[in-house]
Amino acid sequence: MIPGPGACSLETVATDGQTARTDEASGLDALRARFPRVAVVHDWLTIPGGSEQVLLELLEMFPQAELFTSVYDPAPWPPAITERVVHSSFLNRIPGAVRHYPKLLPLMNRAFRAFDLDGFDLVLSSSHASAKNVRVPKRALHVCYCHTPMRYAWEEGFLEGEEVGRGMRLLLPPLLAWLRRVDRAGAAGPDVIVANSEHVAERVQRYYGRAAEIVHPPVDVEHFLELGHEPGDYYFVFGRVVPYKRVDLAVAACARLGRRLLVAGDGRALDGVRAQAPDAGVEFLGKVSGAERDRLLGGARALLFPGEEDFGIVPVEAQAAGVPVIAYGVGGAAETVVEDRTGVLFAEQSAAGLATAIERFEKLALEDRVVRENARRFGRERFHAEMARVIKLAADTHEAERKR
């Protein structure tokens, strides 16, 4: 009997998966041979976050790569970083640079342009600030993975909620205008820009006047797919507590509805959010281990994600664990959450908008299988394959242009 459309055996699935992995491995081997010397350039290495997950995958793709960054604190990083050659800029010699690196932003362009990349065949910049601004030899290929154009420079209101002194407030307009000029000039350098989402690709076009390839970031979905999920009585927020992530809206919405909320994570906005929280119903857990995060996800009714993110890895991790997501429907979450199937999106970024979304979510009956399956499309192997394809195509184009 001829199988119908979409039908296949488990043996076929296994064979196809093995073939894809074999093709990916051979493609990466070819790229490694084609580019013996690789430089990976990252904005700074101080606190682990989503952009560093991308960095680690790029280093796995090219284990021979040397790493360049502005400020480097080796303490929080795995051997994949600490056991390779890491070049830090002159900014790293400034006392307190590891803690106060954001204040060094006006010097970042100079720091990256001071790196000597002569002799490298391939430069991969992982950039949300100035890493893309490095000087690259003409014969070398430069592929920039853009996590976002510099948000504090381009997005009006992004710095709301940040502690900025009166004197700095006066200096901000000319400083931000200068940063925009430098950022736009730096974006002209890479041969190819890869955006981490359609949302970021649109901003790359708007601010830089360039088209971008889209490759979603890698997420370790396999780990989260193995976790159990038995929803308890609480909603969950996980990640850095900084102003733009709007944890305050999750606190206010749950207080309005009388719902229990657990907040795991720390950051410079934590004290302010805690001060606004009601006396009961909200628990601030601080920074938690990976094992504790997994346990908390396993008992959550849903993940609340009220900030605008360029992509947002945490909502994908939650869905892989079977946890629905209630998210602000602007930014990357709109590309990773399927409305009324894996979660709920809300349009008004306010406590009232989030509270309405929570009530709507509580009337749905979402399937664990569907929620988890949606996350599979953001796995690590997919990232390797798509990035390898982009790099090969860019290399072929670059080589053809050099021969003209």
Protein backbone atom coordinates (compact mmCIF):
# COMPACT_ATOMS: atom_id res chain seq x y z
CA MET A 1 0.00 0.00 0.00
CA ILE A 2 1.27 3.48 -0.89
CA PRO A 3 1.26 5.67 2.22
CA GLY A 4 -0.89 8.79 2.13
CA PRO A 5 0.50 12.30 2.22
CA GLY A 6 2.62 12.92 5.30
CA ALA A 7 2.60 9.27 6.34
CA CYS A 8 5.92 7.65 7.20
CA SER A 9 7.32 4.92 9.38
CA LEU A 10 9.43 5.40 12.48
CA GLU A 11 12.30 3.86 10.54
CA THR A 12 11.92 6.53 7.84
CA VAL A 13 11.89 9.30 10.43
CA ALA A 14 15.02 7.90 12.07
CA THR A 15 16.74 7.51 8.69
CA ASP A 16 15.81 11.03 7.59
CA GLY A 17 17.00 12.47 10.90
CA GLN A 18 20.30 10.60 10.66
CA THR A 19 20.74 11.75 7.05
CA ALA A 20 20.11 15.38 8.05
CA ARG A 21 22.67 15.12 10.87
CA THR A 22 25.21 13.53 8.52
CA ASP A 23 24.68 16.25 5.91
CA GLU A 24 25.01 18.93 8.58
CA ALA A 25 28.25 17.42 9.90
CA SER A 26 29.78 17.14 6.43
CA GLY A 27 28.71 20.72 5.63
CA LEU A 28 30.33 22.01 8.81
CA ASP A 29 33.49 20.00 8.12
CA ALA A 30 33.68 21.62 4.69
CA LEU A 31 33.29 25.11 6.20
CA ARG A 32 35.96 24.42 8.83
CA ALA A 33 38.34 23.30 6.11
CA ARG A 34 37.47 26.31 3.95
CA PHE A 35 38.06 28.74 6.85
CA PRO A 36 41.03 27.50 8.90
CA ARG A 37 41.26 30.70 10.95
CA VAL A 38 37.99 31.98 12.43
CA ALA A 39 37.44 34.99 14.69
CA VAL A 40 34.24 35.17 16.72
CA VAL A 41 33.55 38.67 18.04
CA HIS A 42 31.06 39.29 20.88
CA ASP A 43 30.09 42.58 22.56
CA TRP A 44 31.11 41.69 26.12
CA LEU A 45 31.39 38.62 28.34
CA THR A 46 30.18 39.57 31.80
CA ILE A 47 26.73 38.13 32.60
CA PRO A 48 25.28 35.07 30.78
CA GLY A 49 22.16 35.76 28.72
CA GLY A 50 20.40 34.80 25.52
CA SER A 51 23.02 36.27 23.18
CA GLU A 52 25.68 34.17 24.86
CA GLN A 53 23.73 31.01 24.01
CA VAL A 54 24.13 31.98 20.37
CA LEU A 55 27.82 32.65 20.96
CA LEU A 56 28.35 29.19 22.47
CA GLU A 57 26.71 27.54 19.45
CA LEU A 58 28.91 29.51 17.05
CA LEU A 59 31.95 28.33 19.02
CA GLU A 60 30.72 24.76 18.81
CA MET A 61 30.31 25.10 15.05
CA PHE A 62 33.88 26.42 14.79
CA PRO A 63 35.89 24.92 17.67
CA GLN A 64 39.12 26.35 16.23
CA ALA A 65 37.85 29.93 16.57
CA GLU A 66 39.55 32.63 18.62
CA LEU A 67 37.25 34.89 20.62
CA PHE A 68 37.36 38.70 20.74
CA THR A 69 35.37 40.85 23.18
CA SER A 70 35.48 44.27 24.84
CA VAL A 71 35.27 43.26 28.53
CA TYR A 72 35.83 39.73 29.81
CA ASP A 73 35.12 38.20 33.21
CA PRO A 74 36.03 34.48 33.00
CA ALA A 75 34.20 33.53 36.21
CA PRO A 76 30.70 32.66 34.91
CA TRP A 77 31.64 30.92 31.67
CA PRO A 78 31.99 27.23 30.72
CA PRO A 79 35.18 25.63 29.35
CA ALA A 80 33.96 26.24 25.78
CA ILE A 81 34.97 29.87 26.41
CA THR A 82 37.60 29.78 29.15
CA GLU A 83 39.72 27.05 27.53
CA ARG A 84 40.16 28.87 24.21
CA VAL A 85 42.06 31.99 23.20
CA VAL A 86 40.06 35.04 24.37
CA HIS A 87 41.24 38.51 23.33
CA SER A 88 39.82 41.32 25.48
CA SER A 89 40.11 44.99 24.51
CA PHE A 90 41.96 47.80 26.28
CA LEU A 91 38.69 48.52 28.13
CA ASN A 92 39.24 45.38 30.18
CA ARG A 93 42.18 47.06 31.91
CA ILE A 94 39.99 49.84 33.33
CA PRO A 95 39.31 49.26 37.05
CA GLY A 96 35.70 48.17 37.58
CA ALA A 97 35.08 47.52 33.87
CA VAL A 98 33.47 44.13 34.52
CA ARG A 99 30.79 45.73 36.73
CA HIS A 100 30.37 49.05 34.96
CA TYR A 101 30.79 48.03 31.31
CA PRO A 102 27.55 49.79 30.17
CA LYS A 103 29.15 53.12 31.10
CA LEU A 104 31.95 52.34 28.64
CA LEU A 105 29.58 52.19 25.67
CA PRO A 106 30.90 55.44 24.11
CA LEU A 107 34.35 53.77 23.92
CA MET A 108 33.16 50.42 22.55
CA ASN A 109 33.46 51.36 18.87
CA ARG A 110 37.09 52.37 19.33
CA ALA A 111 37.79 49.18 21.30
CA PHE A 112 36.48 46.86 18.59
CA ARG A 113 38.09 48.76 15.75
CA ALA A 114 41.43 48.45 17.53
CA PHE A 115 41.46 44.66 17.20
CA ASP A 116 43.88 43.30 14.58
CA LEU A 117 42.06 40.58 12.59
CA ASP A 118 44.64 40.25 9.83
CA GLY A 119 45.18 36.58 9.01
CA PHE A 120 41.62 35.47 9.75
CA ASP A 121 39.57 33.92 6.95
CA LEU A 122 36.10 34.22 8.55
CA VAL A 123 34.81 36.73 11.09
CA LEU A 124 31.54 35.98 12.88
CA SER A 125 30.29 38.91 14.95
CA SER A 126 27.61 38.31 17.57
CA SER A 127 26.33 41.81 18.06
CA HIS A 128 23.69 43.90 19.80
CA ALA A 129 26.05 46.85 20.24
CA SER A 130 29.49 47.37 18.68
CA ALA A 131 30.94 43.92 17.92
CA LYS A 132 29.93 44.25 14.26
CA ASN A 133 32.10 47.37 13.95
CA VAL A 134 35.40 45.45 13.82
CA ARG A 135 37.81 46.07 10.95
CA VAL A 136 37.92 42.98 8.73
CA PRO A 137 40.55 42.26 6.05
CA LYS A 138 39.15 42.57 2.52
CA ARG A 139 39.86 38.95 1.71
CA ALA A 140 37.98 37.74 4.82
CA LEU A 141 34.25 37.10 5.02
CA HIS A 142 32.30 38.92 7.75
CA VAL A 143 28.94 37.50 8.83
CA CYS A 144 27.14 39.40 11.59
CA TYR A 145 24.53 37.69 13.75
CA CYS A 146 22.48 40.69 14.85
CA HIS A 147 20.58 40.15 18.10
CA THR A 148 19.15 43.66 17.64
CA PRO A 149 20.21 47.08 16.44
CA MET A 150 21.40 49.05 19.46
CA ARG A 151 18.07 49.44 21.27
CA TYR A 152 19.06 52.23 23.65
CA ALA A 153 20.23 54.32 20.68
CA TRP A 154 17.30 53.75 18.34
CA GLU A 155 14.21 53.11 20.46
CA GLU A 156 12.65 56.11 22.08
CA GLY A 157 11.58 55.29 25.61
CA PHE A 158 13.83 52.23 25.98
CA LEU A 159 15.73 53.90 28.81
CA GLU A 160 12.56 54.69 30.77
CA GLY A 161 12.84 53.23 34.24
CA GLU A 162 16.64 53.27 34.17
CA GLU A 163 18.49 55.30 36.80
CA VAL A 164 20.00 58.17 34.83
CA GLY A 165 21.30 61.26 36.63
CA ARG A 166 20.18 64.77 35.72
CA GLY A 167 23.52 65.64 34.13
CA MET A 168 23.46 62.51 31.97
CA ARG A 169 19.86 63.27 30.94
CA LEU A 170 21.12 66.52 29.44
CA LEU A 171 23.92 64.73 27.62
CA LEU A 172 21.75 61.88 26.31
CA PRO A 173 20.30 63.50 23.16
CA PRO A 174 23.67 64.34 21.52
CA LEU A 175 25.21 61.09 22.82
CA LEU A 176 22.41 58.96 21.39
CA ALA A 177 22.56 60.84 18.08
CA TRP A 178 26.29 60.07 17.91
CA LEU A 179 25.69 56.41 18.80
CA ARG A 180 23.13 56.11 16.00
CA ARG A 181 25.62 57.48 13.46
CA VAL A 182 28.34 55.10 14.65
CA ASP A 183 25.94 52.16 14.77
CA ARG A 184 24.68 52.79 11.24
CA ALA A 185 28.24 53.14 9.92
CA GLY A 186 29.28 49.89 11.62
CA ALA A 187 26.32 48.06 10.10
CA ALA A 188 27.66 48.82 6.61
CA GLY A 189 30.70 46.61 7.26
CA PRO A 190 29.47 43.00 7.37
CA ASP A 191 29.06 41.12 4.11
CA VAL A 192 25.86 39.58 5.47
CA ILE A 193 23.62 40.44 8.42
CA VAL A 194 21.65 37.63 10.03
CA ALA A 195 18.71 38.72 12.22
CA ASN A 196 17.41 36.57 15.05
CA SER A 197 13.75 37.22 14.17
CA GLU A 198 11.48 38.88 11.65
CA HIS A 199 11.01 41.64 14.22
CA VAL A 200 14.76 42.38 14.24
CA ALA A 201 15.05 42.01 10.45
CA GLU A 202 12.45 44.76 10.07
CA ARG A 203 14.47 47.04 12.37
CA VAL A 204 17.70 46.23 10.50
CA GLN A 205 15.97 47.38 7.31
CA ARG A 206 14.52 50.49 8.98
CA TYR A 207 17.65 51.68 10.80
CA TYR A 208 20.47 50.34 8.62
CA GLY A 209 18.80 50.20 5.20
CA ARG A 210 19.91 46.57 4.75
CA ALA A 211 18.10 43.31 4.18
CA ALA A 212 18.84 40.53 6.64
CA GLU A 213 18.70 36.76 6.59
CA ILE A 214 16.62 35.32 9.44
CA VAL A 215 17.93 32.51 11.63
CA HIS A 216 16.18 32.09 14.96
CA PRO A 217 18.48 31.57 17.97
CA PRO A 218 19.28 28.07 19.21
CA VAL A 219 17.30 26.77 22.17
CA ASP A 220 18.14 23.60 24.10
CA VAL A 221 14.63 22.26 23.57
CA GLU A 222 15.64 18.63 24.10
CA HIS A 223 16.39 19.30 27.76
CA PHE A 224 13.01 20.93 28.38
CA LEU A 225 11.04 18.36 26.38
CA GLU A 226 12.09 15.78 28.97
CA LEU A 227 10.63 17.74 31.90
CA GLY A 228 7.29 16.83 33.40
CA HIS A 229 4.51 19.41 33.71
CA GLU A 230 1.82 19.26 36.38
CA PRO A 231 0.29 22.77 36.58
CA GLY A 232 -0.07 24.10 40.11
CA ASP A 233 -1.67 27.28 41.42
CA TYR A 234 0.90 29.87 40.34
CA TYR A 235 2.03 31.87 37.33
CA PHE A 236 5.74 32.20 36.69
CA VAL A 237 8.19 34.91 35.59
CA PHE A 238 11.79 33.93 34.92
CA GLY A 239 14.80 35.98 33.84
CA ARG A 240 16.64 39.20 34.52
CA VAL A 241 14.55 41.81 36.33
CA VAL A 242 15.42 44.92 34.32
CA PRO A 243 13.08 47.78 33.37
CA TYR A 244 12.27 46.86 29.76
CA LYS A 245 11.18 43.33 30.70
CA ARG A 246 8.22 44.89 32.58
CA VAL A 247 8.03 42.43 35.44
CA ASP A 248 6.06 45.17 37.22
CA LEU A 249 3.13 44.46 34.88
CA ALA A 250 3.09 40.78 35.84
CA VAL A 251 3.05 41.73 39.53
CA ALA A 252 0.27 44.29 39.06
CA ALA A 253 -1.87 42.01 36.86
CA CYS A 254 -1.69 39.08 39.28
CA ALA A 255 -2.44 41.40 42.24
CA ARG A 256 -5.47 42.73 40.37
CA LEU A 257 -6.79 39.20 39.75
CA GLY A 258 -5.72 37.71 43.08
CA ARG A 259 -3.47 35.15 41.36
CA ARG A 260 -0.30 33.73 42.86
CA LEU A 261 2.94 34.74 41.10
CA LEU A 262 6.51 33.46 41.49
CA VAL A 263 9.32 35.65 40.16
CA ALA A 264 12.72 33.97 39.68
CA GLY A 265 15.65 36.17 38.76
CA ASP A 266 17.47 39.29 39.86
CA GLY A 267 18.53 42.56 38.33
CA ARG A 268 18.69 46.29 38.81
CA ALA A 269 14.88 46.74 38.73
CA LEU A 270 14.18 44.10 41.38
CA ASP A 271 14.05 46.45 44.37
CA GLY A 272 11.61 48.79 42.60
CA VAL A 273 9.31 45.95 41.52
CA ARG A 274 9.39 44.39 44.99
CA ALA A 275 8.47 47.74 46.56
CA GLN A 276 5.34 47.92 44.40
CA ALA A 277 4.25 44.33 45.09
CA PRO A 278 1.35 43.52 47.42
CA ASP A 279 2.06 41.99 50.81
CA ALA A 280 0.76 38.59 49.73
CA GLY A 281 0.48 36.58 46.54
CA VAL A 282 3.86 37.43 44.98
CA GLU A 283 7.08 35.61 45.88
CA PHE A 284 10.49 36.90 44.76
CA LEU A 285 12.88 33.96 44.65
CA GLY A 286 16.01 35.74 43.41
CA LYS A 287 18.49 33.96 41.18
CA VAL A 288 17.77 30.22 41.00
CA SER A 289 19.74 27.22 39.74
CA GLY A 290 18.88 25.42 36.53
CA ALA A 291 17.42 22.52 38.49
CA GLU A 292 15.21 24.86 40.53
CA ARG A 293 14.09 26.66 37.36
CA ASP A 294 13.06 23.31 35.89
CA ARG A 295 11.10 22.42 39.04
CA LEU A 296 9.32 25.78 39.00
CA LEU A 297 8.44 25.45 35.31
CA GLY A 298 7.04 22.00 36.01
CA GLY A 299 4.42 23.43 38.37
CA ALA A 300 3.54 26.66 36.58
CA ARG A 301 0.10 27.36 35.11
CA ALA A 302 1.76 29.58 32.50
CA LEU A 303 4.81 31.73 31.92
CA LEU A 304 4.12 35.48 31.95
CA PHE A 305 6.26 37.43 29.48
CA PRO A 306 5.14 41.08 29.47
CA GLY A 307 8.22 42.74 27.92
CA GLU A 308 9.07 43.39 24.28
CA GLU A 309 11.94 41.12 23.29
CA ASP A 310 13.84 40.84 20.04
CA PHE A 311 13.31 37.06 20.15
CA GLY A 312 12.94 35.71 23.68
CA ILE A 313 14.48 32.32 24.46
CA VAL A 314 12.63 31.78 27.75
CA PRO A 315 9.15 31.48 26.13
CA VAL A 316 10.49 28.75 23.83
CA GLU A 317 12.06 26.90 26.76
CA ALA A 318 8.74 27.12 28.63
CA GLN A 319 6.77 25.74 25.68
CA ALA A 320 9.24 22.87 25.29
CA ALA A 321 8.49 22.06 28.94
CA GLY A 322 4.75 22.04 28.15
CA VAL A 323 4.14 25.41 29.84
CA PRO A 324 1.86 27.82 27.92
CA VAL A 325 3.02 31.42 27.52
CA ILE A 326 1.07 34.64 28.04
CA ALA A 327 3.11 37.30 26.26
CA TYR A 328 3.05 40.83 24.97
CA GLY A 329 2.31 40.35 21.28
CA VAL A 330 5.04 42.63 19.93
CA GLY A 331 8.52 41.35 19.15
CA GLY A 332 9.84 37.83 19.04
CA ALA A 333 7.08 36.31 21.18
CA ALA A 334 4.65 36.92 18.32
CA GLU A 335 6.81 34.55 16.23
CA THR A 336 7.18 31.81 18.84
CA VAL A 337 3.77 31.68 20.58
CA VAL A 338 0.80 30.37 18.59
CA GLU A 339 -2.33 32.24 19.64
CA ASP A 340 -4.86 30.07 21.54
CA ARG A 341 -2.80 26.93 20.85
CA THR A 342 0.41 27.38 22.83
CA GLY A 343 -0.54 30.52 24.73
CA VAL A 344 -2.12 33.95 24.57
CA LEU A 345 -0.81 37.23 23.16
CA PHE A 346 -1.99 40.62 24.38
CA ALA A 347 -1.79 43.91 22.47
CA GLU A 348 -1.84 46.55 25.22
CA GLN A 349 1.35 46.57 27.29
CA SER A 350 -0.34 47.32 30.59
CA ALA A 351 -1.42 45.54 33.75
CA ALA A 352 -5.03 45.63 32.50
CA GLY A 353 -4.00 44.14 29.14
CA LEU A 354 -2.09 41.32 30.81
CA ALA A 355 -4.89 40.66 33.33
CA THR A 356 -7.40 40.31 30.48
CA ALA A 357 -5.04 37.89 28.73
CA ILE A 358 -4.72 35.79 31.89
CA GLU A 359 -8.51 35.55 32.19
CA ARG A 360 -8.76 34.56 28.54
CA PHE A 361 -6.06 31.93 29.02
CA GLU A 362 -7.94 30.41 31.96
CA LYS A 363 -10.88 29.67 29.66
CA LEU A 364 -8.74 27.69 27.21
CA ALA A 365 -7.87 24.00 27.25
CA LEU A 366 -4.41 23.80 25.68
CA GLU A 367 -2.82 20.48 24.78
CA ASP A 368 0.56 19.69 26.31
CA ARG A 369 1.63 17.88 23.13
CA VAL A 370 0.84 20.86 20.90
CA VAL A 371 2.63 23.30 23.21
CA ARG A 372 5.77 21.16 23.28
CA GLU A 373 5.76 20.38 19.57
CA ASN A 374 5.77 24.07 18.69
CA ALA A 375 9.12 24.49 20.47
CA ARG A 376 10.87 21.81 18.41
CA ARG A 377 11.36 24.19 15.47
CA PHE A 378 13.87 26.25 17.47
CA GLY A 379 16.39 23.51 18.31
CA ARG A 380 20.19 23.66 18.24
CA GLU A 381 20.71 21.37 15.24
CA ARG A 382 18.37 23.54 13.18
CA PHE A 383 20.45 26.61 14.12
CA HIS A 384 23.69 24.91 13.05
CA ALA A 385 22.22 23.86 9.71
CA GLU A 386 20.71 27.27 8.91
CA MET A 387 23.81 29.21 9.92
CA ALA A 388 26.02 26.86 7.90
CA ARG A 389 23.79 27.44 4.87
CA VAL A 390 23.96 31.23 5.27
CA ILE A 391 27.75 31.22 5.73
CA LYS A 392 28.32 28.97 2.70
CA LEU A 393 26.09 31.08 0.47
CA ALA A 394 27.79 34.27 1.67
CA ALA A 395 31.23 32.71 1.11
CA ASP A 396 30.35 31.64 -2.43
CA THR A 397 29.04 35.13 -3.22
CA HIS A 398 32.06 36.81 -1.61
CA GLU A 399 34.47 34.61 -3.55
CA ALA A 400 32.70 35.25 -6.85
CA GLU A 401 32.84 39.02 -6.29
CA ARG A 402 36.58 38.89 -5.50
CA LYS A 403 37.25 37.10 -8.77
CA ARG A 404 35.52 39.77 -10.85
